[in-house]
C-alpha cells in the first residue's frame, strides 16, 4: 500500500467509527449539533430576508431616480 492509500483508509476508518457510534442507539441525539445547525439555518434565512428587503428598497430608489431624470 502506498502512503496516500493508507491515509485515506485511516480517515475512512475514523469517519466510520464516528457515524457507527451514533447509529448504534438511534434514540440518542446530539442536541448541541442540532442546535448549532438550527442557528446556522436561521441566520442564513434571516440574512436572505434582509437582502430581499434591502434589494427591493434599493431597486425602487434607482427607478425613482431614473423617472426623475426622464422628466427633465
PDB file of N, CA and C in Angstrom:
ATOM      1  N   UNK A   1       0.843  -1.197   0.000  1.00  0.00           N
ATOM      2  CA  UNK A   1       0.000   0.000   0.000  1.00  0.00           C
ATOM      3  C   UNK A   1       0.878   1.245   0.000  1.00  0.00           C
ATOM      4  N   UNK A   2       0.422   2.211  -0.718  1.00  0.00           N
ATOM      5  CA  UNK A   2       1.131   3.482  -0.722  1.00  0.00           C
ATOM      6  C   UNK A   2       0.690   4.298   0.482  1.00  0.00           C
ATOM      7  N   UNK A   3       1.457   5.324   0.797  1.00  0.00           N
ATOM      8  CA  UNK A   3       1.163   6.148   1.967  1.00  0.00           C
ATOM      9  C   UNK A   3      -0.157   6.890   1.804  1.00  0.00           C
ATOM     10  N   UNK A   4      -0.476   7.368   0.597  1.00  0.00           N
ATOM     11  CA  UNK A   4      -1.727   8.077   0.353  1.00  0.00           C
ATOM     12  C   UNK A   4      -2.931   7.184   0.578  1.00  0.00           C
ATOM     13  N   UNK A   5      -2.831   5.931   0.142  1.00  0.00           N
ATOM     14  CA  UNK A   5      -3.926   4.991   0.343  1.00  0.00           C
ATOM     15  C   UNK A   5      -4.113   4.687   1.820  1.00  0.00           C
ATOM     16  N   UNK A   6      -3.010   4.609   2.549  1.00  0.00           N
ATOM     17  CA  UNK A   6      -3.089   4.352   3.983  1.00  0.00           C
ATOM     18  C   UNK A   6      -3.755   5.516   4.704  1.00  0.00           C
ATOM     19  N   UNK A   7      -3.448   6.747   4.298  1.00  0.00           N
ATOM     20  CA  UNK A   7      -4.078   7.922   4.898  1.00  0.00           C
ATOM     21  C   UNK A   7      -5.575   7.941   4.623  1.00  0.00           C
ATOM     22  N   UNK A   8      -5.965   7.628   3.396  1.00  0.00           N
ATOM     23  CA  UNK A   8      -7.386   7.594   3.041  1.00  0.00           C
ATOM     24  C   UNK A   8      -8.096   6.526   3.855  1.00  0.00           C
ATOM     25  N   UNK A   9      -7.464   5.373   4.012  1.00  0.00           N
ATOM     26  CA  UNK A   9      -8.051   4.290   4.795  1.00  0.00           C
ATOM     27  C   UNK A   9      -8.217   4.698   6.259  1.00  0.00           C
ATOM     28  N   UNK A  10      -7.228   5.403   6.809  1.00  0.00           N
ATOM     29  CA  UNK A  10      -7.311   5.846   8.200  1.00  0.00           C
ATOM     30  C   UNK A  10      -8.434   6.865   8.386  1.00  0.00           C
ATOM     31  N   UNK A  11      -8.566   7.809   7.457  1.00  0.00           N
ATOM     32  CA  UNK A  11      -9.629   8.815   7.541  1.00  0.00           C
ATOM     33  C   UNK A  11     -10.992   8.150   7.433  1.00  0.00           C
ATOM     34  N   UNK A  12     -11.122   7.201   6.519  1.00  0.00           N
ATOM     35  CA  UNK A  12     -12.396   6.496   6.368  1.00  0.00           C
ATOM     36  C   UNK A  12     -12.738   5.700   7.624  1.00  0.00           C
ATOM     37  N   UNK A  13     -11.735   5.106   8.267  1.00  0.00           N
ATOM     38  CA  UNK A  13     -11.975   4.347   9.492  1.00  0.00           C
ATOM     39  C   UNK A  13     -12.451   5.262  10.618  1.00  0.00           C
ATOM     40  N   UNK A  14     -11.857   6.436  10.727  1.00  0.00           N
ATOM     41  CA  UNK A  14     -12.273   7.389  11.764  1.00  0.00           C
ATOM     42  C   UNK A  14     -13.698   7.857  11.512  1.00  0.00           C
ATOM     43  N   UNK A  15     -14.016   8.228  10.275  1.00  0.00           N
ATOM     44  CA  UNK A  15     -15.374   8.671   9.950  1.00  0.00           C
ATOM     45  C   UNK A  15     -16.386   7.555  10.177  1.00  0.00           C
ATOM     46  N   UNK A  16     -16.023   6.347   9.812  1.00  0.00           N
ATOM     47  CA  UNK A  16     -16.914   5.205  10.011  1.00  0.00           C
ATOM     48  C   UNK A  16     -17.192   4.991  11.493  1.00  0.00           C
ATOM     49  N   UNK A  17     -16.154   5.101  12.321  1.00  0.00           N
ATOM     50  CA  UNK A  17     -16.347   4.892  13.758  1.00  0.00           C
ATOM     51  C   UNK A  17     -17.196   6.002  14.372  1.00  0.00           C
ATOM     52  N   UNK A  18     -17.071   7.231  13.878  1.00  0.00           N
ATOM     53  CA  UNK A  18     -17.893   8.326  14.400  1.00  0.00           C
ATOM     54  C   UNK A  18     -19.363   8.114  14.079  1.00  0.00           C
ATOM     55  N   UNK A  19     -19.657   7.713  12.855  1.00  0.00           N
ATOM     56  CA  UNK A  19     -21.046   7.533  12.461  1.00  0.00           C
ATOM     57  C   UNK A  19     -21.647   6.263  13.042  1.00  0.00           C
ATOM     58  N   UNK A  20     -20.858   5.231  13.226  1.00  0.00           N
ATOM     59  CA  UNK A  20     -21.377   3.989  13.794  1.00  0.00           C
ATOM     60  C   UNK A  20     -21.742   4.176  15.260  1.00  0.00           C
ATOM     61  N   UNK A  21     -21.048   5.052  15.945  1.00  0.00           N
ATOM     62  CA  UNK A  21     -21.351   5.299  17.353  1.00  0.00           C
ATOM     63  C   UNK A  21     -22.744   5.907  17.498  1.00  0.00           C
ATOM     64  N   UNK A  22     -23.116   6.802  16.617  1.00  0.00           N
ATOM     65  CA  UNK A  22     -24.429   7.427  16.704  1.00  0.00           C
ATOM     66  C   UNK A  22     -25.526   6.504  16.202  1.00  0.00           C
ATOM     67  N   UNK A  23     -25.210   5.599  15.282  1.00  0.00           N
ATOM     68  CA  UNK A  23     -26.222   4.696  14.754  1.00  0.00           C
ATOM     69  C   UNK A  23     -26.468   3.502  15.661  1.00  0.00           C
ATOM     70  N   UNK A  24     -25.572   3.240  16.613  1.00  0.00           N
ATOM     71  CA  UNK A  24     -25.740   2.095  17.493  1.00  0.00           C
ATOM     72  C   UNK A  24     -27.014   2.238  18.319  1.00  0.00           C
ATOM     73  N   UNK A  25     -27.313   3.434  18.791  1.00  0.00           N
ATOM     74  CA  UNK A  25     -28.533   3.694  19.535  1.00  0.00           C
ATOM     75  C   UNK A  25     -29.225   4.881  18.868  1.00  0.00           C
ATOM     76  N   UNK A  26     -30.241   4.643  18.045  1.00  0.00           N
ATOM     77  CA  UNK A  26     -30.846   5.732  17.273  1.00  0.00           C
ATOM     78  C   UNK A  26     -31.650   6.723  18.114  1.00  0.00           C
ATOM     79  N   UNK A  27     -31.872   6.447  19.389  1.00  0.00           N
ATOM     80  CA  UNK A  27     -32.680   7.329  20.218  1.00  0.00           C
ATOM     81  C   UNK A  27     -31.852   8.304  21.039  1.00  0.00           C
ATOM     82  N   UNK A  28     -30.553   8.334  20.828  1.00  0.00           N
ATOM     83  CA  UNK A  28     -29.686   9.310  21.486  1.00  0.00           C
ATOM     84  C   UNK A  28     -29.305  10.341  20.437  1.00  0.00           C
ATOM     85  N   UNK A  29     -29.657  11.593  20.701  1.00  0.00           N
ATOM     86  CA  UNK A  29     -29.421  12.655  19.736  1.00  0.00           C
ATOM     87  C   UNK A  29     -28.349  13.602  20.255  1.00  0.00           C
ATOM     88  N   UNK A  30     -27.617  14.171  19.334  1.00  0.00           N
ATOM     89  CA  UNK A  30     -26.602  15.157  19.663  1.00  0.00           C
ATOM     90  C   UNK A  30     -27.272  16.529  19.579  1.00  0.00           C
ATOM     91  N   UNK A  31     -27.796  16.999  20.706  1.00  0.00           N
ATOM     92  CA  UNK A  31     -28.563  18.237  20.705  1.00  0.00           C
ATOM     93  C   UNK A  31     -27.693  19.454  20.426  1.00  0.00           C
ATOM     94  N   UNK A  32     -26.426  19.390  20.787  1.00  0.00           N
ATOM     95  CA  UNK A  32     -25.541  20.527  20.514  1.00  0.00           C
ATOM     96  C   UNK A  32     -25.372  20.711  19.006  1.00  0.00           C
ATOM     97  N   UNK A  33     -25.163  19.633  18.280  1.00  0.00           N
ATOM     98  CA  UNK A  33     -25.021  19.717  16.828  1.00  0.00           C
ATOM     99  C   UNK A  33     -26.324  20.172  16.183  1.00  0.00           C
ATOM    100  N   UNK A  34     -27.446  19.676  16.690  1.00  0.00           N
ATOM    101  CA  UNK A  34     -28.750  20.077  16.171  1.00  0.00           C
ATOM    102  C   UNK A  34     -29.003  21.562  16.425  1.00  0.00           C
ATOM    103  N   UNK A  35     -28.625  22.018  17.598  1.00  0.00           N
ATOM    104  CA  UNK A  35     -28.812  23.428  17.955  1.00  0.00           C
ATOM    105  C   UNK A  35     -27.954  24.339  17.083  1.00  0.00           C
ATOM    106  N   UNK A  36     -26.706  23.964  16.878  1.00  0.00           N
ATOM    107  CA  UNK A  36     -25.814  24.764  16.042  1.00  0.00           C
ATOM    108  C   UNK A  36     -26.318  24.780  14.604  1.00  0.00           C
ATOM    109  N   UNK A  37     -26.772  23.638  14.114  1.00  0.00           N
ATOM    110  CA  UNK A  37     -27.324  23.584  12.760  1.00  0.00           C
ATOM    111  C   UNK A  37     -28.551  24.466  12.619  1.00  0.00           C
ATOM    112  N   UNK A  38     -29.407  24.480  13.640  1.00  0.00           N
ATOM    113  CA  UNK A  38     -30.588  25.338  13.616  1.00  0.00           C
ATOM    114  C   UNK A  38     -30.226  26.812  13.632  1.00  0.00           C
ATOM    115  N   UNK A  39     -29.223  27.164  14.422  1.00  0.00           N
ATOM    116  CA  UNK A  39     -28.785  28.561  14.468  1.00  0.00           C
ATOM    117  C   UNK A  39     -28.198  29.000  13.130  1.00  0.00           C
ATOM    118  N   UNK A  40     -27.420  28.145  12.509  1.00  0.00           N
ATOM    119  CA  UNK A  40     -26.845  28.480  11.207  1.00  0.00           C
ATOM    120  C   UNK A  40     -27.944  28.649  10.173  1.00  0.00           C
ATOM    121  N   UNK A  41     -28.904  27.736  10.185  1.00  0.00           N
ATOM    122  CA  UNK A  41     -30.012  27.810   9.224  1.00  0.00           C
ATOM    123  C   UNK A  41     -30.830  29.081   9.434  1.00  0.00           C
ATOM    124  N   UNK A  42     -31.122  29.412  10.694  1.00  0.00           N
ATOM    125  CA  UNK A  42     -31.917  30.613  10.957  1.00  0.00           C
ATOM    126  C   UNK A  42     -31.153  31.879  10.585  1.00  0.00           C
ATOM    127  N   UNK A  43     -29.850  31.908  10.816  1.00  0.00           N
ATOM    128  CA  UNK A  43     -29.051  33.080  10.427  1.00  0.00           C
ATOM    129  C   UNK A  43     -29.027  33.252   8.912  1.00  0.00           C
ATOM    130  N   UNK A  44     -28.900  32.150   8.187  1.00  0.00           N
ATOM    131  CA  UNK A  44     -28.907  32.242   6.725  1.00  0.00           C
ATOM    132  C   UNK A  44     -30.253  32.728   6.207  1.00  0.00           C
ATOM    133  N   UNK A  45     -31.349  32.222   6.774  1.00  0.00           N
ATOM    134  CA  UNK A  45     -32.674  32.663   6.343  1.00  0.00           C
ATOM    135  C   UNK A  45     -32.912  34.129   6.699  1.00  0.00           C
ATOM    136  N   UNK A  46     -32.458  34.553   7.877  1.00  0.00           N
ATOM    137  CA  UNK A  46     -32.598  35.942   8.290  1.00  0.00           C
ATOM    138  C   UNK A  46     -31.815  36.860   7.351  1.00  0.00           C
ATOM    139  N   UNK A  47     -30.584  36.467   7.028  1.00  0.00           N
ATOM    140  CA  UNK A  47     -29.770  37.256   6.103  1.00  0.00           C
ATOM    141  C   UNK A  47     -30.389  37.333   4.717  1.00  0.00           C
ATOM    142  N   UNK A  48     -30.959  36.225   4.253  1.00  0.00           N
ATOM    143  CA  UNK A  48     -31.610  36.229   2.943  1.00  0.00           C
ATOM    144  C   UNK A  48     -32.827  37.144   2.953  1.00  0.00           C
ATOM    145  N   UNK A  49     -33.567  37.166   4.055  1.00  0.00           N
ATOM    146  CA  UNK A  49     -34.714  38.067   4.168  1.00  0.00           C
ATOM    147  C   UNK A  49     -34.296  39.521   4.149  1.00  0.00           C
ATOM    148  N   UNK A  50     -33.235  39.835   4.875  1.00  0.00           N
ATOM    149  CA  UNK A  50     -32.729  41.213   4.872  1.00  0.00           C
ATOM    150  C   UNK A  50     -32.263  41.630   3.483  1.00  0.00           C
ATOM    151  N   UNK A  51     -31.569  40.739   2.808  1.00  0.00           N
ATOM    152  CA  UNK A  51     -31.114  41.062   1.456  1.00  0.00           C
ATOM    153  C   UNK A  51     -32.291  41.286   0.518  1.00  0.00           C
ATOM    154  N   UNK A  52     -33.333  40.498   0.656  1.00  0.00           N
ATOM    155  CA  UNK A  52     -34.508  40.671  -0.203  1.00  0.00           C
ATOM    156  C   UNK A  52     -35.181  42.011   0.064  1.00  0.00           C
ATOM    157  N   UNK A  53     -35.301  42.392   1.328  1.00  0.00           N
ATOM    158  CA  UNK A  53     -35.928  43.673   1.677  1.00  0.00           C
ATOM    159  C   UNK A  53     -35.080  44.837   1.179  1.00  0.00           C
ATOM    160  N   UNK A  54     -33.778  44.774   1.430  1.00  0.00           N
ATOM    161  CA  UNK A  54     -32.897  45.867   1.017  1.00  0.00           C
ATOM    162  C   UNK A  54     -32.786  45.953  -0.498  1.00  0.00           C
ATOM    163  N   UNK A  55     -32.827  44.836  -1.181  1.00  0.00           N
ATOM    164  CA  UNK A  55     -32.742  44.847  -2.643  1.00  0.00           C
ATOM    165  C   UNK A  55     -33.952  45.549  -3.247  1.00  0.00           C
ATOM    166  N   UNK A  56     -35.147  45.278  -2.708  1.00  0.00           N
ATOM    167  CA  UNK A  56     -36.340  45.922  -3.265  1.00  0.00           C
ATOM    168  C   UNK A  56     -36.330  47.416  -2.968  1.00  0.00           C
ATOM    169  N   UNK A  57     -35.847  47.810  -1.799  1.00  0.00           N
ATOM    170  CA  UNK A  57     -35.783  49.246  -1.479  1.00  0.00           C
ATOM    171  C   UNK A  57     -34.786  49.963  -2.372  1.00  0.00           C
ATOM    172  N   UNK A  58     -33.622  49.373  -2.564  1.00  0.00           N
ATOM    173  CA  UNK A  58     -32.610  49.998  -3.426  1.00  0.00           C
ATOM    174  C   UNK A  58     -33.084  50.030  -4.871  1.00  0.00           C
ATOM    175  N   UNK A  59     -33.765  49.015  -5.291  1.00  0.00           N
ATOM    176  CA  UNK A  59     -34.260  48.943  -6.657  1.00  0.00           C
ATOM    177  C   UNK A  59     -35.307  50.031  -6.900  1.00  0.00           C
ATOM    178  N   UNK A  60     -36.165  50.298  -5.912  1.00  0.00           N
ATOM    179  CA  UNK A  60     -37.174  51.361  -6.043  1.00  0.00           C
ATOM    180  C   UNK A  60     -36.518  52.729  -6.140  1.00  0.00           C
ATOM    181  N   UNK A  61     -35.484  52.965  -5.327  1.00  0.00           N
ATOM    182  CA  UNK A  61     -34.804  54.262  -5.351  1.00  0.00           C
ATOM    183  C   UNK A  61     -34.154  54.506  -6.709  1.00  0.00           C
ATOM    184  N   UNK A  62     -33.588  53.471  -7.295  1.00  0.00           N
ATOM    185  CA  UNK A  62     -32.961  53.629  -8.607  1.00  0.00           C
ATOM    186  C   UNK A  62     -34.014  53.922  -9.664  1.00  0.00           C
ATOM    187  N   UNK A  63     -35.170  53.276  -9.581  1.00  0.00           N
ATOM    188  CA  UNK A  63     -36.230  53.533 -10.557  1.00  0.00           C
ATOM    189  C   UNK A  63     -36.768  54.948 -10.412  1.00  0.00           C
ATOM    190  N   UNK A  64     -36.903  55.442  -9.166  1.00  0.00           N
ATOM    191  CA  UNK A  64     -37.371  56.808  -8.950  1.00  0.00           C
ATOM    192  C   UNK A  64     -36.372  57.805  -9.521  1.00  0.00           C
ATOM    193  N   UNK A  65     -35.085  57.536  -9.342  1.00  0.00           N
ATOM    194  CA  UNK A  65     -34.056  58.432  -9.874  1.00  0.00           C
ATOM    195  C   UNK A  65     -34.108  58.447 -11.401  1.00  0.00           C
ATOM    196  N   UNK A  66     -34.343  57.314 -12.022  1.00  0.00           N
ATOM    197  CA  UNK A  66     -34.449  57.265 -13.482  1.00  0.00           C
ATOM    198  C   UNK A  66     -35.696  58.002 -13.954  1.00  0.00           C
ATOM    199  N   UNK A  67     -36.809  57.879 -13.220  1.00  0.00           N
ATOM    200  CA  UNK A  67     -38.036  58.572 -13.592  1.00  0.00           C
ATOM    201  C   UNK A  67     -37.871  60.084 -13.467  1.00  0.00           C
ATOM    202  N   UNK A  68     -37.184  60.538 -12.421  1.00  0.00           N
ATOM    203  CA  UNK A  68     -36.956  61.969 -12.229  1.00  0.00           C
ATOM    204  C   UNK A  68     -36.088  62.534 -13.350  1.00  0.00           C
ATOM    205  N   UNK A  69     -35.113  61.788 -13.788  1.00  0.00           N
ATOM    206  CA  UNK A  69     -34.234  62.244 -14.864  1.00  0.00           C
ATOM    207  C   UNK A  69     -34.963  62.292 -16.199  1.00  0.00           C
ATOM    208  N   UNK A  70     -35.944  61.447 -16.385  1.00  0.00           N
ATOM    209  CA  UNK A  70     -36.653  61.426 -17.663  1.00  0.00           C
ATOM    210  C   UNK A  70     -37.595  62.619 -17.805  1.00  0.00           C
ATOM    211  N   UNK A  71     -38.011  63.227 -16.698  1.00  0.00           N
ATOM    212  CA  UNK A  71     -38.902  64.383 -16.754  1.00  0.00           C
ATOM    213  C   UNK A  71     -38.174  65.636 -17.209  1.00  0.00           C
ATOM    214  N   UNK A  72     -36.886  65.706 -17.017  1.00  0.00           N
ATOM    215  CA  UNK A  72     -36.113  66.902 -17.363  1.00  0.00           C
ATOM    216  C   UNK A  72     -35.928  67.051 -18.801  1.00  0.00           C
TER     217      UNK A  72
END
